[in-house]
Amino acid sequence: MINTEQNPTKNDAQSNSENILFSEYERVSIIAPTEDLALPATWLANGIEILVLSGDLQVNNSRYQQGQWLRYPAHSVHFIVALAGCRLLIKAGHLGSA
């Protein structure tokens, strides 16, 4: 089962995470879910960059592994799932139009 909680950076049983920067314009976080976690579509509204620090990330029907970097522009439509045990550096919200 995939957790679709709107705030995957919340510290709870499903995700060990740390907000590095959080402002009205961007969010930089490290997340490490303990179960599969769908990133909220709202994170894609102004673009997102993801670095896979460890484990696997699934985007649509593709899988990305440690060291891979993804960048999606504002208003991209993707189904992004952080698989259990992965660790991701996420920067979101900074690629939208000013």
Protein backbone atom coordinates (compact mmCIF):
# COMPACT_ATOMS: atom_id res chain seq x y z
CA MET A 1 0.00 0.00 0.00
CA ILE A 2 1.29 3.48 -0.88
CA ASN A 3 1.03 6.33 1.60
CA THR A 4 -0.31 9.42 -0.19
CA GLU A 5 -0.11 11.84 2.74
CA GLN A 6 0.13 15.48 1.61
CA ASN A 7 3.21 16.26 3.72
CA PRO A 8 5.85 13.55 3.31
CA THR A 9 8.38 15.59 5.31
CA LYS A 10 6.36 15.16 8.49
CA ASN A 11 8.24 13.04 11.04
CA ASP A 12 6.07 10.00 11.69
CA ALA A 13 6.15 6.21 11.47
CA GLN A 14 6.09 6.27 7.66
CA SER A 15 8.92 8.72 7.05
CA ASN A 16 12.17 9.74 8.69
CA SER A 17 12.75 13.19 7.27
CA GLU A 18 14.42 16.51 7.74
CA ASN A 19 13.43 19.92 6.36
CA ILE A 20 16.60 21.74 5.38
CA LEU A 21 14.85 24.81 3.98
CA PHE A 22 11.18 25.64 3.91
CA SER A 23 9.82 28.94 2.59
CA GLU A 24 6.82 30.08 0.60
CA TYR A 25 8.93 29.75 -2.58
CA GLU A 26 10.81 26.49 -2.13
CA ARG A 27 11.27 23.43 0.02
CA VAL A 28 14.48 21.44 0.46
CA SER A 29 14.16 18.18 2.37
CA ILE A 30 15.71 14.81 2.90
CA ILE A 31 13.13 12.06 3.19
CA ALA A 32 13.60 8.41 4.10
CA PRO A 33 10.23 6.62 4.11
CA THR A 34 9.81 3.37 5.97
CA GLU A 35 7.01 2.37 3.58
CA ASP A 36 6.25 3.32 -0.04
CA LEU A 37 5.32 7.02 -0.11
CA ALA A 38 3.70 8.91 -3.01
CA LEU A 39 4.92 12.50 -3.25
CA PRO A 40 2.00 14.92 -3.40
CA ALA A 41 1.16 16.38 -6.82
CA THR A 42 1.30 19.86 -5.28
CA TRP A 43 5.09 19.45 -5.06
CA LEU A 44 5.23 19.36 -8.88
CA ALA A 45 3.26 22.59 -9.38
CA ASN A 46 6.40 24.76 -9.39
CA GLY A 47 8.92 22.11 -10.40
CA ILE A 48 10.95 19.58 -8.49
CA GLU A 49 14.50 18.19 -8.42
CA ILE A 50 15.27 14.87 -6.76
CA LEU A 51 18.62 13.24 -6.00
CA VAL A 52 18.42 9.57 -5.01
CA LEU A 53 20.85 9.26 -2.08
CA SER A 54 20.16 5.55 -1.54
CA GLY A 55 17.59 2.93 -2.46
CA ASP A 56 15.09 3.23 -5.30
CA LEU A 57 12.63 5.83 -6.54
CA GLN A 58 9.80 4.98 -8.91
CA VAL A 59 8.45 7.58 -11.36
CA ASN A 60 5.56 6.39 -13.50
CA ASN A 61 6.91 3.06 -14.86
CA SER A 62 10.63 3.80 -14.42
CA ARG A 63 12.91 3.09 -11.48
CA TYR A 64 15.84 5.30 -10.43
CA GLN A 65 18.71 4.27 -8.15
CA GLN A 66 21.40 5.81 -5.97
CA GLY A 67 23.19 8.73 -7.59
CA GLN A 68 20.52 9.47 -10.18
CA TRP A 69 19.14 13.00 -10.42
CA LEU A 70 15.76 13.98 -11.81
CA ARG A 71 14.44 17.41 -12.72
CA TYR A 72 10.83 18.07 -13.66
CA PRO A 73 9.67 21.56 -14.73
CA ALA A 74 6.66 23.33 -13.30
CA HIS A 75 3.29 21.66 -13.95
CA SER A 76 4.80 18.31 -14.90
CA VAL A 77 2.51 15.38 -14.40
CA HIS A 78 4.22 12.34 -12.87
CA PHE A 79 3.39 9.73 -10.26
CA ILE A 80 6.45 9.72 -7.99
CA VAL A 81 6.81 7.05 -5.30
CA ALA A 82 9.66 6.98 -2.81
CA LEU A 83 10.08 3.25 -2.17
CA ALA A 84 10.53 1.97 1.37
CA GLY A 85 14.12 2.26 2.54
CA CYS A 86 15.21 4.89 0.02
CA ARG A 87 16.68 8.25 0.95
CA LEU A 88 16.02 11.31 -1.23
CA LEU A 89 17.18 14.91 -1.35
CA ILE A 90 14.24 16.90 -2.70
CA LYS A 91 14.15 20.52 -3.82
CA ALA A 92 10.70 21.69 -4.85
CA GLY A 93 8.95 24.90 -5.79
CA HIS A 94 11.90 26.82 -7.25
CA LEU A 95 11.37 26.11 -10.95
CA GLY A 96 8.03 27.89 -11.35
CA SER A 97 7.53 31.18 -13.08
CA ALA A 98 8.05 34.29 -10.97
